[in-house]
Amino acid sequence: MITARELNIEKLPDQAKVWVNLALKYTHGYGAVAVPVNEMDGRGNPILWAHDIPIKAKGDLAVTHGAIFYGALTRDRVYVRTSEKEFDFPQGQANAEAVYEGKGGIALSGFWRKLVVAHEADGLRLFISGRSLGDAPRALSRPRDRCDALLRHRQLPGAKKPEFC
């Protein structure tokens, strides 16, 4: 069984719930836990094949990059590859930081594209935050958001949406 460690921004302190943090800094969860369902130790605890932050893996199981950008709980739009380093995980007195290396999301390659995305989601904050969008910024609109938008037009009032999204 494998499970991802997603970031729950609801657990951030209220003073940390500002746009820069929610849209640019806390962009992803980090880590995974893998356990075989048919093994346990002498006390009945699961044998962990992958665990901890940063991830420690057993044997041939290798996890080279532990960032979780798309998940079941992740719904908010974020902007990656900006001048703001993205939080990876706590590391002693400092934090490990990263830059998104994936290919997903909407490339914010020009003024008009930035303007359309800003109009759709975050208004002028995208332009007036004081943070540079960098050389190759991307807006990640999470899959559940897209699925919700598609299903909104094909749902009967009061009907539950399918969980496969």
N, C-alpha and C. Protein backbone atom coordinates (compact mmCIF):
# COMPACT_ATOMS: atom_id res chain seq x y z
N MET A 1 0.85 -1.15 0.00
CA MET A 1 0.00 0.00 0.00
C MET A 1 0.91 1.23 0.00
N ILE A 2 0.56 2.19 -0.81
CA ILE A 2 1.33 3.43 -0.90
C ILE A 2 0.39 4.61 -0.68
N THR A 3 0.82 5.56 0.11
CA THR A 3 0.04 6.77 0.31
C THR A 3 0.96 7.99 0.24
N ALA A 4 0.43 9.08 -0.27
CA ALA A 4 1.20 10.32 -0.41
C ALA A 4 0.94 11.23 0.78
N ARG A 5 1.91 12.04 1.13
CA ARG A 5 1.75 13.03 2.18
C ARG A 5 1.45 14.37 1.51
N GLU A 6 0.21 14.71 1.51
CA GLU A 6 -0.19 15.98 0.90
C GLU A 6 -0.08 17.11 1.90
N LEU A 7 0.01 18.32 1.41
CA LEU A 7 0.07 19.51 2.25
C LEU A 7 -1.35 19.95 2.57
N ASN A 8 -1.64 20.11 3.85
CA ASN A 8 -2.94 20.60 4.27
C ASN A 8 -2.78 22.05 4.71
N ILE A 9 -3.08 22.98 3.81
CA ILE A 9 -2.88 24.40 4.12
C ILE A 9 -3.85 24.90 5.19
N GLU A 10 -4.91 24.17 5.44
CA GLU A 10 -5.84 24.55 6.51
C GLU A 10 -5.17 24.51 7.87
N LYS A 11 -4.10 23.74 8.01
CA LYS A 11 -3.40 23.61 9.29
C LYS A 11 -2.34 24.69 9.49
N LEU A 12 -2.15 25.56 8.50
CA LEU A 12 -1.22 26.67 8.68
C LEU A 12 -1.80 27.65 9.70
N PRO A 13 -0.96 28.31 10.49
CA PRO A 13 -1.48 29.35 11.39
C PRO A 13 -2.14 30.46 10.58
N ASP A 14 -3.12 31.11 11.16
CA ASP A 14 -3.86 32.15 10.44
C ASP A 14 -2.94 33.23 9.86
N GLN A 15 -1.90 33.63 10.61
CA GLN A 15 -1.02 34.69 10.12
C GLN A 15 -0.20 34.24 8.91
N ALA A 16 -0.09 32.94 8.67
CA ALA A 16 0.64 32.42 7.51
C ALA A 16 -0.25 32.25 6.28
N LYS A 17 -1.55 32.43 6.45
CA LYS A 17 -2.48 32.24 5.33
C LYS A 17 -2.63 33.52 4.51
N VAL A 18 -1.52 33.95 3.94
CA VAL A 18 -1.51 35.11 3.06
C VAL A 18 -1.29 34.62 1.63
N TRP A 19 -1.65 35.43 0.66
CA TRP A 19 -1.62 35.00 -0.74
C TRP A 19 -0.26 34.49 -1.17
N VAL A 20 0.83 35.17 -0.80
CA VAL A 20 2.17 34.75 -1.22
C VAL A 20 2.44 33.33 -0.74
N ASN A 21 2.12 33.03 0.50
CA ASN A 21 2.33 31.68 1.03
C ASN A 21 1.44 30.66 0.34
N LEU A 22 0.15 30.98 0.21
CA LEU A 22 -0.80 30.01 -0.33
C LEU A 22 -0.63 29.77 -1.82
N ALA A 23 -0.17 30.76 -2.55
CA ALA A 23 -0.07 30.63 -4.01
C ALA A 23 1.34 30.39 -4.51
N LEU A 24 2.36 30.82 -3.75
CA LEU A 24 3.74 30.74 -4.25
C LEU A 24 4.66 29.87 -3.39
N LYS A 25 4.46 29.85 -2.10
CA LYS A 25 5.40 29.19 -1.18
C LYS A 25 5.00 27.74 -0.88
N TYR A 26 3.78 27.54 -0.40
CA TYR A 26 3.31 26.20 -0.03
C TYR A 26 2.56 25.59 -1.22
N THR A 27 3.34 25.10 -2.17
CA THR A 27 2.77 24.63 -3.44
C THR A 27 2.53 23.13 -3.48
N HIS A 28 3.12 22.39 -2.53
CA HIS A 28 3.06 20.93 -2.64
C HIS A 28 3.30 20.25 -1.30
N GLY A 29 2.83 19.02 -1.22
CA GLY A 29 3.16 18.16 -0.09
C GLY A 29 4.49 17.48 -0.37
N TYR A 30 4.94 16.68 0.59
CA TYR A 30 6.21 16.02 0.39
C TYR A 30 6.22 14.67 1.08
N GLY A 31 6.54 13.64 0.34
CA GLY A 31 6.77 12.34 0.94
C GLY A 31 5.73 11.30 0.60
N ALA A 32 6.08 10.08 0.96
CA ALA A 32 5.20 8.94 0.74
C ALA A 32 5.50 7.90 1.80
N VAL A 33 4.53 7.07 2.04
CA VAL A 33 4.70 5.93 2.93
C VAL A 33 4.30 4.70 2.13
N ALA A 34 5.16 3.70 2.13
CA ALA A 34 4.86 2.45 1.43
C ALA A 34 5.02 1.30 2.43
N VAL A 35 4.01 0.45 2.51
CA VAL A 35 4.06 -0.72 3.38
C VAL A 35 3.49 -1.91 2.63
N PRO A 36 4.10 -3.08 2.80
CA PRO A 36 3.46 -4.27 2.23
C PRO A 36 2.27 -4.64 3.11
N VAL A 37 1.19 -5.04 2.51
CA VAL A 37 -0.01 -5.34 3.29
C VAL A 37 0.06 -6.71 3.97
N ASN A 38 1.04 -7.51 3.63
CA ASN A 38 1.12 -8.86 4.18
C ASN A 38 2.30 -9.07 5.11
N GLU A 39 2.96 -7.98 5.57
CA GLU A 39 4.09 -8.11 6.48
C GLU A 39 3.91 -7.20 7.68
N MET A 40 4.35 -7.69 8.86
CA MET A 40 4.36 -6.86 10.05
C MET A 40 5.48 -7.33 10.96
N ASP A 41 5.88 -6.45 11.88
CA ASP A 41 6.94 -6.84 12.81
C ASP A 41 6.36 -7.67 13.95
N GLY A 42 7.21 -8.06 14.90
CA GLY A 42 6.78 -8.91 16.01
C GLY A 42 5.73 -8.28 16.91
N ARG A 43 5.60 -6.95 16.90
CA ARG A 43 4.60 -6.26 17.72
C ARG A 43 3.32 -5.97 16.95
N GLY A 44 3.26 -6.39 15.69
CA GLY A 44 2.06 -6.16 14.89
C GLY A 44 2.06 -4.85 14.13
N ASN A 45 3.18 -4.12 14.16
CA ASN A 45 3.28 -2.86 13.41
C ASN A 45 3.68 -3.14 11.97
N PRO A 46 3.26 -2.27 11.05
CA PRO A 46 3.62 -2.48 9.65
C PRO A 46 5.13 -2.32 9.43
N ILE A 47 5.66 -3.05 8.48
CA ILE A 47 7.05 -2.91 8.05
C ILE A 47 7.06 -1.80 7.01
N LEU A 48 7.78 -0.72 7.28
CA LEU A 48 7.79 0.43 6.38
C LEU A 48 8.86 0.25 5.31
N TRP A 49 8.43 0.28 4.04
CA TRP A 49 9.37 0.20 2.92
C TRP A 49 9.83 1.59 2.52
N ALA A 50 8.98 2.59 2.68
CA ALA A 50 9.34 3.99 2.44
C ALA A 50 8.67 4.81 3.52
N HIS A 51 9.43 5.75 4.11
CA HIS A 51 8.90 6.55 5.21
C HIS A 51 9.81 7.74 5.47
N ASP A 52 9.41 8.57 6.41
CA ASP A 52 10.17 9.72 6.88
C ASP A 52 10.24 10.86 5.86
N ILE A 53 10.75 11.98 6.37
CA ILE A 53 10.99 13.16 5.55
C ILE A 53 12.40 13.64 5.89
N PRO A 54 13.33 13.71 4.95
CA PRO A 54 13.23 13.22 3.58
C PRO A 54 13.02 11.71 3.56
N ILE A 55 12.58 11.21 2.44
CA ILE A 55 12.14 9.82 2.32
C ILE A 55 13.32 8.86 2.45
N LYS A 56 13.13 7.87 3.29
CA LYS A 56 14.07 6.76 3.41
C LYS A 56 13.37 5.54 2.84
N ALA A 57 14.01 4.85 1.91
CA ALA A 57 13.40 3.70 1.26
C ALA A 57 14.23 2.45 1.51
N LYS A 58 13.55 1.32 1.52
CA LYS A 58 14.17 0.03 1.81
C LYS A 58 14.54 -0.68 0.50
N GLY A 59 15.74 -1.29 0.51
CA GLY A 59 16.14 -2.15 -0.61
C GLY A 59 16.18 -1.44 -1.94
N ASP A 60 15.56 -2.05 -2.94
CA ASP A 60 15.58 -1.53 -4.30
C ASP A 60 14.56 -0.41 -4.54
N LEU A 61 13.70 -0.17 -3.58
CA LEU A 61 12.71 0.89 -3.73
C LEU A 61 13.42 2.23 -3.61
N ALA A 62 13.34 3.04 -4.64
CA ALA A 62 14.02 4.33 -4.64
C ALA A 62 13.02 5.44 -4.92
N VAL A 63 13.04 6.45 -4.09
CA VAL A 63 12.21 7.63 -4.30
C VAL A 63 13.18 8.79 -4.49
N THR A 64 13.27 9.28 -5.72
CA THR A 64 14.26 10.31 -6.02
C THR A 64 13.72 11.72 -5.82
N HIS A 65 12.43 11.90 -5.88
CA HIS A 65 11.84 13.23 -5.71
C HIS A 65 10.51 13.06 -4.99
N GLY A 66 10.39 13.61 -3.80
CA GLY A 66 9.22 13.35 -2.98
C GLY A 66 8.11 14.39 -3.03
N ALA A 67 8.20 15.39 -3.90
CA ALA A 67 7.17 16.43 -3.94
C ALA A 67 5.87 15.90 -4.54
N ILE A 68 4.76 16.25 -3.89
CA ILE A 68 3.42 15.83 -4.34
C ILE A 68 2.66 17.10 -4.76
N PHE A 69 2.58 17.36 -6.05
CA PHE A 69 1.90 18.56 -6.54
C PHE A 69 0.42 18.30 -6.85
N TYR A 70 0.06 17.07 -7.17
CA TYR A 70 -1.31 16.75 -7.52
C TYR A 70 -1.78 15.63 -6.59
N GLY A 71 -2.87 15.85 -5.88
CA GLY A 71 -3.35 14.84 -4.96
C GLY A 71 -4.85 14.94 -4.75
N ALA A 72 -5.39 14.05 -3.96
CA ALA A 72 -6.83 14.00 -3.71
C ALA A 72 -7.31 15.21 -2.91
N LEU A 73 -6.49 15.75 -2.03
CA LEU A 73 -6.90 16.87 -1.19
C LEU A 73 -6.47 18.22 -1.75
N THR A 74 -5.60 18.22 -2.74
CA THR A 74 -5.01 19.44 -3.26
C THR A 74 -5.93 20.07 -4.28
N ARG A 75 -6.47 21.25 -3.96
CA ARG A 75 -7.45 21.88 -4.83
C ARG A 75 -7.07 23.30 -5.27
N ASP A 76 -6.19 23.93 -4.56
CA ASP A 76 -5.92 25.33 -4.81
C ASP A 76 -4.97 25.53 -5.98
N ARG A 77 -5.14 26.63 -6.70
CA ARG A 77 -4.23 26.99 -7.79
C ARG A 77 -2.98 27.58 -7.16
N VAL A 78 -1.83 27.16 -7.68
CA VAL A 78 -0.55 27.69 -7.22
C VAL A 78 0.28 28.09 -8.43
N TYR A 79 1.29 28.91 -8.15
CA TYR A 79 2.20 29.36 -9.19
C TYR A 79 3.59 28.87 -8.83
N VAL A 80 4.23 28.21 -9.77
CA VAL A 80 5.54 27.62 -9.52
C VAL A 80 6.57 28.23 -10.47
N ARG A 81 7.84 27.99 -10.16
CA ARG A 81 8.97 28.58 -10.91
C ARG A 81 8.93 30.10 -10.85
N THR A 82 8.65 30.62 -9.67
CA THR A 82 8.65 32.06 -9.45
C THR A 82 9.92 32.42 -8.68
N SER A 83 10.06 33.69 -8.31
CA SER A 83 11.22 34.09 -7.52
C SER A 83 11.11 33.60 -6.07
N GLU A 84 9.93 33.19 -5.66
CA GLU A 84 9.72 32.66 -4.31
C GLU A 84 10.05 31.17 -4.30
N LYS A 85 11.02 30.77 -3.50
CA LYS A 85 11.36 29.34 -3.39
C LYS A 85 10.18 28.61 -2.75
N GLU A 86 9.93 27.41 -3.22
CA GLU A 86 8.80 26.61 -2.73
C GLU A 86 9.25 25.77 -1.53
N PHE A 87 8.42 25.74 -0.51
CA PHE A 87 8.70 24.97 0.71
C PHE A 87 8.62 23.48 0.40
N ASP A 88 9.66 22.73 0.77
CA ASP A 88 9.68 21.28 0.61
C ASP A 88 9.33 20.60 1.94
N PHE A 89 10.20 20.79 2.95
CA PHE A 89 9.95 20.21 4.27
C PHE A 89 10.86 20.90 5.29
N PRO A 90 10.49 20.83 6.58
CA PRO A 90 11.36 21.42 7.61
C PRO A 90 12.66 20.64 7.71
N GLN A 91 13.75 21.34 7.95
CA GLN A 91 15.05 20.69 8.04
C GLN A 91 15.86 21.42 9.11
N GLY A 92 15.70 20.99 10.36
CA GLY A 92 16.37 21.66 11.48
C GLY A 92 15.84 23.06 11.65
N GLN A 93 16.75 24.03 11.77
CA GLN A 93 16.36 25.43 11.95
C GLN A 93 15.92 26.10 10.65
N ALA A 94 16.21 25.47 9.52
CA ALA A 94 15.85 26.04 8.22
C ALA A 94 14.81 25.14 7.55
N ASN A 95 14.46 25.47 6.34
CA ASN A 95 13.54 24.66 5.56
C ASN A 95 14.21 24.24 4.26
N ALA A 96 13.94 23.01 3.83
CA ALA A 96 14.38 22.60 2.50
C ALA A 96 13.43 23.25 1.50
N GLU A 97 14.00 23.80 0.46
CA GLU A 97 13.19 24.48 -0.56
C GLU A 97 13.48 23.87 -1.92
N ALA A 98 12.56 24.08 -2.85
CA ALA A 98 12.69 23.48 -4.17
C ALA A 98 12.09 24.40 -5.23
N VAL A 99 12.28 24.01 -6.47
CA VAL A 99 11.65 24.66 -7.62
C VAL A 99 11.00 23.56 -8.44
N TYR A 100 9.76 23.76 -8.84
CA TYR A 100 9.01 22.78 -9.61
C TYR A 100 9.75 22.40 -10.88
N GLU A 101 9.93 21.09 -11.10
CA GLU A 101 10.64 20.61 -12.29
C GLU A 101 9.72 19.94 -13.30
N GLY A 102 8.44 19.86 -13.00
CA GLY A 102 7.51 19.16 -13.87
C GLY A 102 7.14 19.95 -15.11
N LYS A 103 6.30 19.34 -15.92
CA LYS A 103 5.85 19.95 -17.16
C LYS A 103 4.37 20.34 -17.11
N GLY A 104 3.70 20.04 -16.01
CA GLY A 104 2.28 20.33 -15.90
C GLY A 104 1.99 21.80 -15.73
N GLY A 105 0.73 22.14 -15.82
CA GLY A 105 0.30 23.51 -15.59
C GLY A 105 0.24 24.34 -16.85
N ILE A 106 -0.13 25.58 -16.66
CA ILE A 106 -0.27 26.54 -17.75
C ILE A 106 0.97 27.42 -17.76
N ALA A 107 1.68 27.44 -18.86
CA ALA A 107 2.86 28.29 -18.98
C ALA A 107 2.40 29.75 -19.04
N LEU A 108 2.93 30.57 -18.15
CA LEU A 108 2.59 31.99 -18.14
C LEU A 108 3.65 32.74 -18.93
N SER A 109 3.64 32.51 -20.23
CA SER A 109 4.73 32.94 -21.10
C SER A 109 4.61 34.36 -21.63
N GLY A 110 3.52 34.99 -21.45
CA GLY A 110 3.39 36.35 -21.97
C GLY A 110 2.41 37.16 -21.15
N PHE A 111 2.41 38.47 -21.39
CA PHE A 111 1.56 39.37 -20.63
C PHE A 111 0.09 38.98 -20.72
N TRP A 112 -0.41 38.70 -21.92
CA TRP A 112 -1.83 38.41 -22.09
C TRP A 112 -2.24 37.11 -21.40
N ARG A 113 -1.38 36.13 -21.44
CA ARG A 113 -1.68 34.87 -20.75
C ARG A 113 -1.73 35.09 -19.24
N LYS A 114 -0.76 35.86 -18.72
CA LYS A 114 -0.77 36.20 -17.30
C LYS A 114 -2.03 36.96 -16.92
N LEU A 115 -2.42 37.88 -17.80
CA LEU A 115 -3.62 38.69 -17.54
C LEU A 115 -4.87 37.82 -17.50
N VAL A 116 -5.00 36.88 -18.42
CA VAL A 116 -6.17 35.99 -18.45
C VAL A 116 -6.21 35.12 -17.19
N VAL A 117 -5.08 34.55 -16.82
CA VAL A 117 -5.03 33.71 -15.61
C VAL A 117 -5.32 34.56 -14.38
N ALA A 118 -4.76 35.76 -14.32
CA ALA A 118 -5.00 36.65 -13.18
C ALA A 118 -6.48 37.01 -13.10
N HIS A 119 -7.10 37.32 -14.23
CA HIS A 119 -8.52 37.67 -14.25
C HIS A 119 -9.37 36.49 -13.77
N GLU A 120 -9.00 35.29 -14.18
CA GLU A 120 -9.77 34.09 -13.84
C GLU A 120 -9.64 33.71 -12.37
N ALA A 121 -8.46 33.94 -11.77
CA ALA A 121 -8.24 33.36 -10.46
C ALA A 121 -7.85 34.35 -9.37
N ASP A 122 -6.80 35.10 -9.55
CA ASP A 122 -6.22 35.85 -8.45
C ASP A 122 -6.23 37.36 -8.62
N GLY A 123 -6.86 37.84 -9.64
CA GLY A 123 -6.90 39.28 -9.83
C GLY A 123 -5.52 39.88 -9.98
N LEU A 124 -5.36 41.08 -9.52
CA LEU A 124 -4.10 41.80 -9.68
C LEU A 124 -2.99 41.28 -8.77
N ARG A 125 -3.31 40.43 -7.79
CA ARG A 125 -2.27 39.93 -6.88
C ARG A 125 -1.10 39.30 -7.64
N LEU A 126 -1.40 38.69 -8.77
CA LEU A 126 -0.35 38.07 -9.58
C LEU A 126 0.66 39.11 -10.07
N PHE A 127 0.19 40.35 -10.26
CA PHE A 127 1.06 41.41 -10.76
C PHE A 127 1.63 42.30 -9.66
N ILE A 128 0.89 42.48 -8.57
CA ILE A 128 1.31 43.45 -7.55
C ILE A 128 1.88 42.81 -6.30
N SER A 129 2.13 41.51 -6.31
CA SER A 129 2.64 40.83 -5.11
C SER A 129 4.07 41.23 -4.78
N GLY A 130 4.79 41.81 -5.73
CA GLY A 130 6.18 42.16 -5.51
C GLY A 130 7.11 40.98 -5.77
N ARG A 131 6.55 39.84 -6.16
CA ARG A 131 7.34 38.65 -6.47
C ARG A 131 7.43 38.50 -7.97
N SER A 132 8.62 38.24 -8.44
CA SER A 132 8.81 38.04 -9.87
C SER A 132 8.29 36.66 -10.25
N LEU A 133 7.69 36.58 -11.42
CA LEU A 133 7.21 35.29 -11.89
C LEU A 133 8.33 34.49 -12.54
N GLY A 134 9.53 35.02 -12.56
CA GLY A 134 10.67 34.25 -13.06
C GLY A 134 10.67 34.08 -14.56
N ASP A 135 11.55 33.20 -15.03
CA ASP A 135 11.74 33.00 -16.47
C ASP A 135 10.69 32.09 -17.09
N ALA A 136 10.24 31.08 -16.36
CA ALA A 136 9.31 30.10 -16.93
C ALA A 136 8.21 29.73 -15.93
N PRO A 137 7.45 30.73 -15.45
CA PRO A 137 6.44 30.42 -14.44
C PRO A 137 5.31 29.57 -15.01
N ARG A 138 4.67 28.82 -14.13
CA ARG A 138 3.54 27.99 -14.52
C ARG A 138 2.46 28.11 -13.47
N ALA A 139 1.21 28.09 -13.90
CA ALA A 139 0.07 28.04 -12.99
C ALA A 139 -0.41 26.60 -12.97
N LEU A 140 -0.45 26.00 -11.79
CA LEU A 140 -0.95 24.63 -11.67
C LEU A 140 -2.38 24.69 -11.19
N SER A 141 -3.28 24.30 -12.05
CA SER A 141 -4.68 24.16 -11.68
C SER A 141 -4.89 22.68 -11.44
N ARG A 142 -5.19 22.32 -10.23
CA ARG A 142 -5.20 20.91 -9.83
C ARG A 142 -6.29 20.12 -10.57
N PRO A 143 -6.06 18.83 -10.83
CA PRO A 143 -6.99 18.02 -11.60
C PRO A 143 -8.41 18.00 -11.03
N ARG A 144 -8.56 18.00 -9.72
CA ARG A 144 -9.91 17.98 -9.15
C ARG A 144 -10.66 19.24 -9.53
N ASP A 145 -9.95 20.38 -9.62
CA ASP A 145 -10.60 21.62 -10.03
C ASP A 145 -11.17 21.48 -11.43
N ARG A 146 -10.37 20.93 -12.34
CA ARG A 146 -10.83 20.77 -13.72
C ARG A 146 -11.99 19.80 -13.78
N CYS A 147 -11.90 18.72 -13.02
CA CYS A 147 -12.97 17.72 -13.02
C CYS A 147 -14.26 18.33 -12.47
N ASP A 148 -14.13 19.10 -11.37
CA ASP A 148 -15.31 19.75 -10.80
C ASP A 148 -15.96 20.67 -11.83
N ALA A 149 -15.14 21.44 -12.56
CA ALA A 149 -15.67 22.36 -13.55
C ALA A 149 -16.39 21.62 -14.67
N LEU A 150 -15.82 20.50 -15.11
CA LEU A 150 -16.47 19.71 -16.16
C LEU A 150 -17.77 19.09 -15.68
N LEU A 151 -17.76 18.55 -14.48
CA LEU A 151 -18.94 17.84 -13.97
C LEU A 151 -20.06 18.77 -13.54
N ARG A 152 -19.73 20.01 -13.24
CA ARG A 152 -20.74 20.96 -12.80
C ARG A 152 -21.88 21.07 -13.81
N HIS A 153 -21.55 20.95 -15.09
CA HIS A 153 -22.54 21.10 -16.15
C HIS A 153 -23.28 19.80 -16.44
N ARG A 154 -22.86 18.68 -15.88
CA ARG A 154 -23.45 17.38 -16.16
C ARG A 154 -23.99 16.72 -14.91
N GLN A 155 -24.37 17.49 -13.92
CA GLN A 155 -24.81 16.93 -12.66
C GLN A 155 -26.23 17.35 -12.35
N LEU A 156 -26.98 16.43 -11.80
CA LEU A 156 -28.31 16.76 -11.33
C LEU A 156 -28.18 17.43 -9.97
N PRO A 157 -29.08 18.36 -9.65
CA PRO A 157 -29.00 19.00 -8.34
C PRO A 157 -29.07 17.95 -7.22
N GLY A 158 -28.18 18.08 -6.25
CA GLY A 158 -28.17 17.17 -5.12
C GLY A 158 -27.41 15.86 -5.36
N ALA A 159 -27.00 15.59 -6.60
CA ALA A 159 -26.29 14.34 -6.89
C ALA A 159 -24.84 14.45 -6.46
N LYS A 160 -24.28 13.35 -5.96
CA LYS A 160 -22.87 13.35 -5.57
C LYS A 160 -22.01 13.22 -6.81
N LYS A 161 -20.85 13.90 -6.81
CA LYS A 161 -19.95 13.75 -7.94
C LYS A 161 -19.11 12.48 -7.74
N PRO A 162 -18.70 11.86 -8.81
CA PRO A 162 -17.93 10.63 -8.70
C PRO A 162 -16.58 10.87 -8.03
N GLU A 163 -16.07 9.88 -7.33
CA GLU A 163 -14.84 10.01 -6.58
C GLU A 163 -13.59 9.75 -7.43
N PHE A 164 -13.73 9.36 -8.69
CA PHE A 164 -12.55 9.06 -9.50
C PHE A 164 -11.83 10.31 -9.94
N CYS A 165 -12.40 11.48 -9.78
CA CYS A 165 -11.77 12.73 -10.22
C CYS A 165 -10.63 13.12 -9.34
